[in-house]
Structures are given as C-alpha cells and as structure tokens.
Amino acid sequence: MQSMNISLPEPLKEFVDGQIASGRYSSVSEYVRELIRDDEKRKAEERLETLLLEGLQGKETALTRDDWTAIRKEALAQVKARKNRN
C-alpha cells in the first residue's frame, strides 16, 4: 500500500478528526479511503447514466441472445470485482 501526504486547513482537519472521534472510522486513512470509494462509485453511476441516456436516444434495435450473454458476463464480472474490493 502506498502512502500519501495531504495538507488541510484547520477547519477541514477538525472535521476529519470529528469523523474519527465519532467512532465510525478507526483512522484518517480509513475515512479517506471511504471518501475515494464513494467518489469512484458516484463517477461510475454518472457514467452509467450517460450511457443509458445515449442508448435511449439512439436507434432502437432488438437484443440478440449474444447481446444478453455479453450483458450477463459483464454484470457478473462487475459483481466479482466489487466483492474483491471489499
């Protein structure tokens, strides 16, 4: 695991310290990792929404058995990847 140093103004440091003191997080690192994971999730959701909107605006076509197989394979891969991260 790599280390990073960050600088925070005093009000932000106090806020982070408060999050740790609340007992939900055991360390600043744990808190920052959760923030980053939440950001990753939000960006993935934004990307999915963009793709879905593009799909809705695109030409309508029938899905084939191969399409459904590919969709299922991708979904299972994403579920597996998500489990491996946690």
PDB file of N, CA and C in Angstrom:
ATOM      1  N   MET A   1       0.846  -1.171   0.000  1.00  0.00           N
ATOM      2  CA  MET A   1       0.000   0.000   0.000  1.00  0.00           C
ATOM      3  C   MET A   1       0.892   1.234   0.000  1.00  0.00           C
ATOM      4  N   GLN A   2       0.527   2.206  -0.795  1.00  0.00           N
ATOM      5  CA  GLN A   2       1.286   3.453  -0.903  1.00  0.00           C
ATOM      6  C   GLN A   2       0.778   4.473   0.113  1.00  0.00           C
ATOM      7  N   SER A   3       1.641   5.368   0.511  1.00  0.00           N
ATOM      8  CA  SER A   3       1.268   6.457   1.420  1.00  0.00           C
ATOM      9  C   SER A   3       1.173   7.755   0.643  1.00  0.00           C
ATOM     10  N   MET A   4       0.292   8.629   1.128  1.00  0.00           N
ATOM     11  CA  MET A   4       0.149   9.970   0.564  1.00  0.00           C
ATOM     12  C   MET A   4       0.093  10.956   1.723  1.00  0.00           C
ATOM     13  N   ASN A   5       0.630  12.114   1.501  1.00  0.00           N
ATOM     14  CA  ASN A   5       0.525  13.195   2.487  1.00  0.00           C
ATOM     15  C   ASN A   5      -0.409  14.248   1.906  1.00  0.00           C
ATOM     16  N   ILE A   6      -1.324  14.730   2.727  1.00  0.00           N
ATOM     17  CA  ILE A   6      -2.209  15.796   2.285  1.00  0.00           C
ATOM     18  C   ILE A   6      -2.175  16.921   3.305  1.00  0.00           C
ATOM     19  N   SER A   7      -2.418  18.112   2.817  1.00  0.00           N
ATOM     20  CA  SER A   7      -2.489  19.281   3.692  1.00  0.00           C
ATOM     21  C   SER A   7      -3.928  19.757   3.733  1.00  0.00           C
ATOM     22  N   LEU A   8      -4.404  20.036   4.931  1.00  0.00           N
ATOM     23  CA  LEU A   8      -5.770  20.518   5.107  1.00  0.00           C
ATOM     24  C   LEU A   8      -5.762  21.785   5.939  1.00  0.00           C
ATOM     25  N   PRO A   9      -6.646  22.715   5.601  1.00  0.00           N
ATOM     26  CA  PRO A   9      -6.807  23.864   6.500  1.00  0.00           C
ATOM     27  C   PRO A   9      -7.394  23.362   7.826  1.00  0.00           C
ATOM     28  N   GLU A  10      -7.184  24.110   8.864  1.00  0.00           N
ATOM     29  CA  GLU A  10      -7.598  23.706  10.203  1.00  0.00           C
ATOM     30  C   GLU A  10      -9.076  23.292  10.292  1.00  0.00           C
ATOM     31  N   PRO A  11     -10.017  24.042   9.690  1.00  0.00           N
ATOM     32  CA  PRO A  11     -11.423  23.618   9.798  1.00  0.00           C
ATOM     33  C   PRO A  11     -11.679  22.228   9.189  1.00  0.00           C
ATOM     34  N   LEU A  12     -11.019  21.903   8.078  1.00  0.00           N
ATOM     35  CA  LEU A  12     -11.201  20.581   7.488  1.00  0.00           C
ATOM     36  C   LEU A  12     -10.555  19.499   8.342  1.00  0.00           C
ATOM     37  N   LYS A  13      -9.391  19.803   8.907  1.00  0.00           N
ATOM     38  CA  LYS A  13      -8.737  18.835   9.787  1.00  0.00           C
ATOM     39  C   LYS A  13      -9.611  18.553  11.002  1.00  0.00           C
ATOM     40  N   GLU A  14     -10.218  19.585  11.562  1.00  0.00           N
ATOM     41  CA  GLU A  14     -11.106  19.399  12.709  1.00  0.00           C
ATOM     42  C   GLU A  14     -12.314  18.548  12.324  1.00  0.00           C
ATOM     43  N   PHE A  15     -12.837  18.772  11.120  1.00  0.00           N
ATOM     44  CA  PHE A  15     -13.966  17.980  10.658  1.00  0.00           C
ATOM     45  C   PHE A  15     -13.571  16.500  10.548  1.00  0.00           C
ATOM     46  N   VAL A  16     -12.434  16.235   9.924  1.00  0.00           N
ATOM     47  CA  VAL A  16     -11.959  14.851   9.775  1.00  0.00           C
ATOM     48  C   VAL A  16     -11.730  14.227  11.153  1.00  0.00           C
ATOM     49  N   ASP A  17     -11.093  14.965  12.039  1.00  0.00           N
ATOM     50  CA  ASP A  17     -10.867  14.465  13.397  1.00  0.00           C
ATOM     51  C   ASP A  17     -12.194  14.135  14.079  1.00  0.00           C
ATOM     52  N   GLY A  18     -13.213  14.945  13.825  1.00  0.00           N
ATOM     53  CA  GLY A  18     -14.540  14.674  14.384  1.00  0.00           C
ATOM     54  C   GLY A  18     -15.143  13.398  13.841  1.00  0.00           C
ATOM     55  N   GLN A  19     -14.904  13.123  12.572  1.00  0.00           N
ATOM     56  CA  GLN A  19     -15.406  11.884  11.979  1.00  0.00           C
ATOM     57  C   GLN A  19     -14.745  10.672  12.633  1.00  0.00           C
ATOM     58  N   ILE A  20     -13.467  10.794  12.913  1.00  0.00           N
ATOM     59  CA  ILE A  20     -12.740   9.708  13.566  1.00  0.00           C
ATOM     60  C   ILE A  20     -13.241   9.560  15.007  1.00  0.00           C
ATOM     61  N   ALA A  21     -13.410  10.683  15.682  1.00  0.00           N
ATOM     62  CA  ALA A  21     -13.853  10.663  17.078  1.00  0.00           C
ATOM     63  C   ALA A  21     -15.261  10.081  17.224  1.00  0.00           C
ATOM     64  N   SER A  22     -16.068  10.186  16.187  1.00  0.00           N
ATOM     65  CA  SER A  22     -17.435   9.659  16.258  1.00  0.00           C
ATOM     66  C   SER A  22     -17.454   8.139  16.337  1.00  0.00           C
ATOM     67  N   GLY A  23     -16.317   7.509  16.004  1.00  0.00           N
ATOM     68  CA  GLY A  23     -16.218   6.063  16.117  1.00  0.00           C
ATOM     69  C   GLY A  23     -16.554   5.297  14.851  1.00  0.00           C
ATOM     70  N   ARG A  24     -17.026   5.995  13.856  1.00  0.00           N
ATOM     71  CA  ARG A  24     -17.380   5.305  12.611  1.00  0.00           C
ATOM     72  C   ARG A  24     -16.126   4.851  11.862  1.00  0.00           C
ATOM     73  N   TYR A  25     -15.048   5.587  11.997  1.00  0.00           N
ATOM     74  CA  TYR A  25     -13.787   5.277  11.328  1.00  0.00           C
ATOM     75  C   TYR A  25     -12.709   5.092  12.379  1.00  0.00           C
ATOM     76  N   SER A  26     -11.783   4.171  12.081  1.00  0.00           N
ATOM     77  CA  SER A  26     -10.716   3.932  13.048  1.00  0.00           C
ATOM     78  C   SER A  26      -9.488   4.794  12.789  1.00  0.00           C
ATOM     79  N   SER A  27      -9.423   5.395  11.590  1.00  0.00           N
ATOM     80  CA  SER A  27      -8.256   6.220  11.267  1.00  0.00           C
ATOM     81  C   SER A  27      -8.597   7.197  10.149  1.00  0.00           C
ATOM     82  N   VAL A  28      -7.739   8.178   9.986  1.00  0.00           N
ATOM     83  CA  VAL A  28      -7.894   9.133   8.885  1.00  0.00           C
ATOM     84  C   VAL A  28      -7.800   8.393   7.558  1.00  0.00           C
ATOM     85  N   SER A  29      -6.896   7.435   7.462  1.00  0.00           N
ATOM     86  CA  SER A  29      -6.734   6.675   6.227  1.00  0.00           C
ATOM     87  C   SER A  29      -8.025   5.948   5.850  1.00  0.00           C
ATOM     88  N   GLU A  30      -8.669   5.334   6.844  1.00  0.00           N
ATOM     89  CA  GLU A  30      -9.925   4.624   6.574  1.00  0.00           C
ATOM     90  C   GLU A  30     -10.989   5.597   6.068  1.00  0.00           C
ATOM     91  N   TYR A  31     -11.061   6.768   6.676  1.00  0.00           N
ATOM     92  CA  TYR A  31     -12.028   7.783   6.265  1.00  0.00           C
ATOM     93  C   TYR A  31     -11.770   8.239   4.830  1.00  0.00           C
ATOM     94  N   VAL A  32     -10.519   8.520   4.512  1.00  0.00           N
ATOM     95  CA  VAL A  32     -10.171   8.983   3.164  1.00  0.00           C
ATOM     96  C   VAL A  32     -10.434   7.879   2.138  1.00  0.00           C
ATOM     97  N   ARG A  33     -10.094   6.632   2.471  1.00  0.00           N
ATOM     98  CA  ARG A  33     -10.366   5.531   1.541  1.00  0.00           C
ATOM     99  C   ARG A  33     -11.851   5.428   1.234  1.00  0.00           C
ATOM    100  N   GLU A  34     -12.704   5.584   2.255  1.00  0.00           N
ATOM    101  CA  GLU A  34     -14.148   5.514   2.018  1.00  0.00           C
ATOM    102  C   GLU A  34     -14.609   6.670   1.131  1.00  0.00           C
ATOM    103  N   LEU A  35     -14.071   7.865   1.358  1.00  0.00           N
ATOM    104  CA  LEU A  35     -14.418   9.004   0.505  1.00  0.00           C
ATOM    105  C   LEU A  35     -14.048   8.727  -0.948  1.00  0.00           C
ATOM    106  N   ILE A  36     -12.877   8.146  -1.157  1.00  0.00           N
ATOM    107  CA  ILE A  36     -12.428   7.849  -2.518  1.00  0.00           C
ATOM    108  C   ILE A  36     -13.317   6.779  -3.146  1.00  0.00           C
ATOM    109  N   ARG A  37     -13.641   5.746  -2.386  1.00  0.00           N
ATOM    110  CA  ARG A  37     -14.538   4.703  -2.918  1.00  0.00           C
ATOM    111  C   ARG A  37     -15.898   5.292  -3.271  1.00  0.00           C
ATOM    112  N   ASP A  38     -16.418   6.161  -2.430  1.00  0.00           N
ATOM    113  CA  ASP A  38     -17.704   6.809  -2.724  1.00  0.00           C
ATOM    114  C   ASP A  38     -17.611   7.637  -3.997  1.00  0.00           C
ATOM    115  N   ASP A  39     -16.493   8.325  -4.190  1.00  0.00           N
ATOM    116  CA  ASP A  39     -16.297   9.123  -5.397  1.00  0.00           C
ATOM    117  C   ASP A  39     -16.232   8.218  -6.632  1.00  0.00           C
ATOM    118  N   GLU A  40     -15.515   7.095  -6.509  1.00  0.00           N
ATOM    119  CA  GLU A  40     -15.454   6.134  -7.619  1.00  0.00           C
ATOM    120  C   GLU A  40     -16.853   5.643  -7.982  1.00  0.00           C
ATOM    121  N   LYS A  41     -17.628   5.306  -6.968  1.00  0.00           N
ATOM    122  CA  LYS A  41     -18.991   4.805  -7.183  1.00  0.00           C
ATOM    123  C   LYS A  41     -19.848   5.867  -7.859  1.00  0.00           C
ATOM    124  N   ARG A  42     -19.752   7.105  -7.384  1.00  0.00           N
ATOM    125  CA  ARG A  42     -20.548   8.189  -7.961  1.00  0.00           C
ATOM    126  C   ARG A  42     -20.178   8.415  -9.426  1.00  0.00           C
ATOM    127  N   LYS A  43     -18.898   8.376  -9.738  1.00  0.00           N
ATOM    128  CA  LYS A  43     -18.465   8.556 -11.121  1.00  0.00           C
ATOM    129  C   LYS A  43     -18.933   7.401 -12.008  1.00  0.00           C
ATOM    130  N   ALA A  44     -18.916   6.179 -11.476  1.00  0.00           N
ATOM    131  CA  ALA A  44     -19.403   5.025 -12.236  1.00  0.00           C
ATOM    132  C   ALA A  44     -20.904   5.162 -12.498  1.00  0.00           C
ATOM    133  N   GLU A  45     -21.640   5.642 -11.496  1.00  0.00           N
ATOM    134  CA  GLU A  45     -23.076   5.845 -11.673  1.00  0.00           C
ATOM    135  C   GLU A  45     -23.359   6.938 -12.705  1.00  0.00           C
ATOM    136  N   GLU A  46     -22.567   8.009 -12.678  1.00  0.00           N
ATOM    137  CA  GLU A  46     -22.718   9.081 -13.676  1.00  0.00           C
ATOM    138  C   GLU A  46     -22.439   8.546 -15.077  1.00  0.00           C
ATOM    139  N   ARG A  47     -21.408   7.720 -15.185  1.00  0.00           N
ATOM    140  CA  ARG A  47     -21.057   7.122 -16.492  1.00  0.00           C
ATOM    141  C   ARG A  47     -22.181   6.220 -16.979  1.00  0.00           C
ATOM    142  N   LEU A  48     -22.736   5.417 -16.084  1.00  0.00           N
ATOM    143  CA  LEU A  48     -23.843   4.540 -16.451  1.00  0.00           C
ATOM    144  C   LEU A  48     -25.047   5.357 -16.906  1.00  0.00           C
ATOM    145  N   GLU A  49     -25.361   6.423 -16.176  1.00  0.00           N
ATOM    146  CA  GLU A  49     -26.490   7.269 -16.560  1.00  0.00           C
ATOM    147  C   GLU A  49     -26.266   7.871 -17.943  1.00  0.00           C
ATOM    148  N   THR A  50     -25.049   8.333 -18.210  1.00  0.00           N
ATOM    149  CA  THR A  50     -24.721   8.887 -19.527  1.00  0.00           C
ATOM    150  C   THR A  50     -24.921   7.845 -20.622  1.00  0.00           C
ATOM    151  N   LEU A  51     -24.419   6.640 -20.374  1.00  0.00           N
ATOM    152  CA  LEU A  51     -24.567   5.571 -21.374  1.00  0.00           C
ATOM    153  C   LEU A  51     -26.032   5.195 -21.583  1.00  0.00           C
ATOM    154  N   LEU A  52     -26.792   5.150 -20.496  1.00  0.00           N
ATOM    155  CA  LEU A  52     -28.210   4.825 -20.621  1.00  0.00           C
ATOM    156  C   LEU A  52     -28.957   5.891 -21.417  1.00  0.00           C
ATOM    157  N   LEU A  53     -28.647   7.155 -21.148  1.00  0.00           N
ATOM    158  CA  LEU A  53     -29.293   8.237 -21.898  1.00  0.00           C
ATOM    159  C   LEU A  53     -28.905   8.180 -23.375  1.00  0.00           C
ATOM    160  N   GLU A  54     -27.635   7.891 -23.652  1.00  0.00           N
ATOM    161  CA  GLU A  54     -27.207   7.739 -25.048  1.00  0.00           C
ATOM    162  C   GLU A  54     -27.963   6.597 -25.711  1.00  0.00           C
ATOM    163  N   GLY A  55     -28.124   5.517 -24.979  1.00  0.00           N
ATOM    164  CA  GLY A  55     -28.852   4.372 -25.516  1.00  0.00           C
ATOM    165  C   GLY A  55     -30.305   4.695 -25.799  1.00  0.00           C
ATOM    166  N   LEU A  56     -30.926   5.454 -24.905  1.00  0.00           N
ATOM    167  CA  LEU A  56     -32.328   5.830 -25.117  1.00  0.00           C
ATOM    168  C   LEU A  56     -32.503   6.746 -26.317  1.00  0.00           C
ATOM    169  N   GLN A  57     -31.484   7.537 -26.604  1.00  0.00           N
ATOM    170  CA  GLN A  57     -31.568   8.472 -27.719  1.00  0.00           C
ATOM    171  C   GLN A  57     -31.124   7.849 -29.034  1.00  0.00           C
ATOM    172  N   GLY A  58     -30.534   6.671 -28.967  1.00  0.00           N
ATOM    173  CA  GLY A  58     -30.013   6.015 -30.166  1.00  0.00           C
ATOM    174  C   GLY A  58     -31.085   5.236 -30.906  1.00  0.00           C
ATOM    175  N   LYS A  59     -30.646   4.632 -31.986  1.00  0.00           N
ATOM    176  CA  LYS A  59     -31.527   3.820 -32.814  1.00  0.00           C
ATOM    177  C   LYS A  59     -31.956   2.566 -32.043  1.00  0.00           C
ATOM    178  N   GLU A  60     -33.223   2.234 -32.126  1.00  0.00           N
ATOM    179  CA  GLU A  60     -33.749   1.073 -31.426  1.00  0.00           C
ATOM    180  C   GLU A  60     -33.457  -0.195 -32.226  1.00  0.00           C
ATOM    181  N   THR A  61     -32.884  -1.186 -31.541  1.00  0.00           N
ATOM    182  CA  THR A  61     -32.605  -2.469 -32.171  1.00  0.00           C
ATOM    183  C   THR A  61     -32.994  -3.584 -31.216  1.00  0.00           C
ATOM    184  N   ALA A  62     -33.269  -4.744 -31.770  1.00  0.00           N
ATOM    185  CA  ALA A  62     -33.610  -5.900 -30.947  1.00  0.00           C
ATOM    186  C   ALA A  62     -32.343  -6.512 -30.371  1.00  0.00           C
ATOM    187  N   LEU A  63     -32.428  -6.960 -29.123  1.00  0.00           N
ATOM    188  CA  LEU A  63     -31.289  -7.621 -28.491  1.00  0.00           C
ATOM    189  C   LEU A  63     -31.283  -9.091 -28.893  1.00  0.00           C
ATOM    190  N   THR A  64     -30.094  -9.581 -29.194  1.00  0.00           N
ATOM    191  CA  THR A  64     -29.940 -10.978 -29.580  1.00  0.00           C
ATOM    192  C   THR A  64     -29.520 -11.794 -28.364  1.00  0.00           C
ATOM    193  N   ARG A  65     -29.510 -13.107 -28.518  1.00  0.00           N
ATOM    194  CA  ARG A  65     -29.052 -13.990 -27.450  1.00  0.00           C
ATOM    195  C   ARG A  65     -27.593 -13.658 -27.082  1.00  0.00           C
ATOM    196  N   ASP A  66     -26.778 -13.349 -28.100  1.00  0.00           N
ATOM    197  CA  ASP A  66     -25.381 -12.979 -27.849  1.00  0.00           C
ATOM    198  C   ASP A  66     -25.284 -11.685 -27.039  1.00  0.00           C
ATOM    199  N   ASP A  67     -26.178 -10.734 -27.319  1.00  0.00           N
ATOM    200  CA  ASP A  67     -26.201  -9.484 -26.550  1.00  0.00           C
ATOM    201  C   ASP A  67     -26.469  -9.781 -25.075  1.00  0.00           C
ATOM    202  N   TRP A  68     -27.495 -10.608 -24.797  1.00  0.00           N
ATOM    203  CA  TRP A  68     -27.846 -10.939 -23.424  1.00  0.00           C
ATOM    204  C   TRP A  68     -26.713 -11.696 -22.728  1.00  0.00           C
ATOM    205  N   THR A  69     -26.032 -12.567 -23.461  1.00  0.00           N
ATOM    206  CA  THR A  69     -24.898 -13.297 -22.896  1.00  0.00           C
ATOM    207  C   THR A  69     -23.783 -12.331 -22.508  1.00  0.00           C
ATOM    208  N   ALA A  70     -23.494 -11.378 -23.389  1.00  0.00           N
ATOM    209  CA  ALA A  70     -22.446 -10.390 -23.106  1.00  0.00           C
ATOM    210  C   ALA A  70     -22.831  -9.505 -21.920  1.00  0.00           C
ATOM    211  N   ILE A  71     -24.087  -9.107 -21.843  1.00  0.00           N
ATOM    212  CA  ILE A  71     -24.559  -8.272 -20.734  1.00  0.00           C
ATOM    213  C   ILE A  71     -24.417  -9.030 -19.413  1.00  0.00           C
ATOM    214  N   ARG A  72     -24.838 -10.289 -19.414  1.00  0.00           N
ATOM    215  CA  ARG A  72     -24.755 -11.097 -18.197  1.00  0.00           C
ATOM    216  C   ARG A  72     -23.292 -11.287 -17.779  1.00  0.00           C
ATOM    217  N   LYS A  73     -22.419 -11.564 -18.737  1.00  0.00           N
ATOM    218  CA  LYS A  73     -20.998 -11.764 -18.447  1.00  0.00           C
ATOM    219  C   LYS A  73     -20.394 -10.501 -17.824  1.00  0.00           C
ATOM    220  N   GLU A  74     -20.705  -9.344 -18.386  1.00  0.00           N
ATOM    221  CA  GLU A  74     -20.183  -8.078 -17.862  1.00  0.00           C
ATOM    222  C   GLU A  74     -20.717  -7.801 -16.460  1.00  0.00           C
ATOM    223  N   ALA A  75     -22.002  -8.062 -16.231  1.00  0.00           N
ATOM    224  CA  ALA A  75     -22.596  -7.834 -14.913  1.00  0.00           C
ATOM    225  C   ALA A  75     -21.935  -8.721 -13.861  1.00  0.00           C
ATOM    226  N   LEU A  76     -21.730  -9.988 -14.193  1.00  0.00           N
ATOM    227  CA  LEU A  76     -21.089 -10.901 -13.248  1.00  0.00           C
ATOM    228  C   LEU A  76     -19.652 -10.484 -12.958  1.00  0.00           C
ATOM    229  N   ALA A  77     -18.944 -10.010 -13.977  1.00  0.00           N
ATOM    230  CA  ALA A  77     -17.569  -9.536 -13.783  1.00  0.00           C
ATOM    231  C   ALA A  77     -17.547  -8.331 -12.851  1.00  0.00           C
ATOM    232  N   GLN A  78     -18.500  -7.433 -12.997  1.00  0.00           N
ATOM    233  CA  GLN A  78     -18.536  -6.252 -12.135  1.00  0.00           C
ATOM    234  C   GLN A  78     -18.877  -6.626 -10.698  1.00  0.00           C
ATOM    235  N   VAL A  79     -19.786  -7.569 -10.516  1.00  0.00           N
ATOM    236  CA  VAL A  79     -20.126  -8.027  -9.166  1.00  0.00           C
ATOM    237  C   VAL A  79     -18.900  -8.652  -8.510  1.00  0.00           C
ATOM    238  N   LYS A  80     -18.180  -9.482  -9.254  1.00  0.00           N
ATOM    239  CA  LYS A  80     -16.972 -10.123  -8.724  1.00  0.00           C
ATOM    240  C   LYS A  80     -15.915  -9.080  -8.359  1.00  0.00           C
ATOM    241  N   ALA A  81     -15.720  -8.095  -9.234  1.00  0.00           N
ATOM    242  CA  ALA A  81     -14.737  -7.046  -8.962  1.00  0.00           C
ATOM    243  C   ALA A  81     -15.110  -6.259  -7.716  1.00  0.00           C
ATOM    244  N   ARG A  82     -16.386  -5.978  -7.548  1.00  0.00           N
ATOM    245  CA  ARG A  82     -16.850  -5.224  -6.385  1.00  0.00           C
ATOM    246  C   ARG A  82     -16.618  -6.014  -5.093  1.00  0.00           C
ATOM    247  N   LYS A  83     -16.867  -7.338  -5.153  1.00  0.00           N
ATOM    248  CA  LYS A  83     -16.640  -8.170  -3.968  1.00  0.00           C
ATOM    249  C   LYS A  83     -15.156  -8.209  -3.617  1.00  0.00           C
ATOM    250  N   ASN A  84     -14.289  -8.246  -4.626  1.00  0.00           N
ATOM    251  CA  ASN A  84     -12.855  -8.292  -4.389  1.00  0.00           C
ATOM    252  C   ASN A  84     -12.328  -7.014  -3.764  1.00  0.00           C
ATOM    253  N   ARG A  85     -12.989  -5.871  -4.037  1.00  0.00           N
ATOM    254  CA  ARG A  85     -12.560  -4.587  -3.465  1.00  0.00           C
ATOM    255  C   ARG A  85     -12.879  -4.493  -1.998  1.00  0.00           C
ATOM    256  N   ASN A  86     -13.926  -5.163  -1.576  1.00  0.00           N
ATOM    257  CA  ASN A  86     -14.368  -5.048  -0.178  1.00  0.00           C
ATOM    258  C   ASN A  86     -13.784  -6.134   0.617  1.00  0.00           C
TER     259      ASN A  86
END
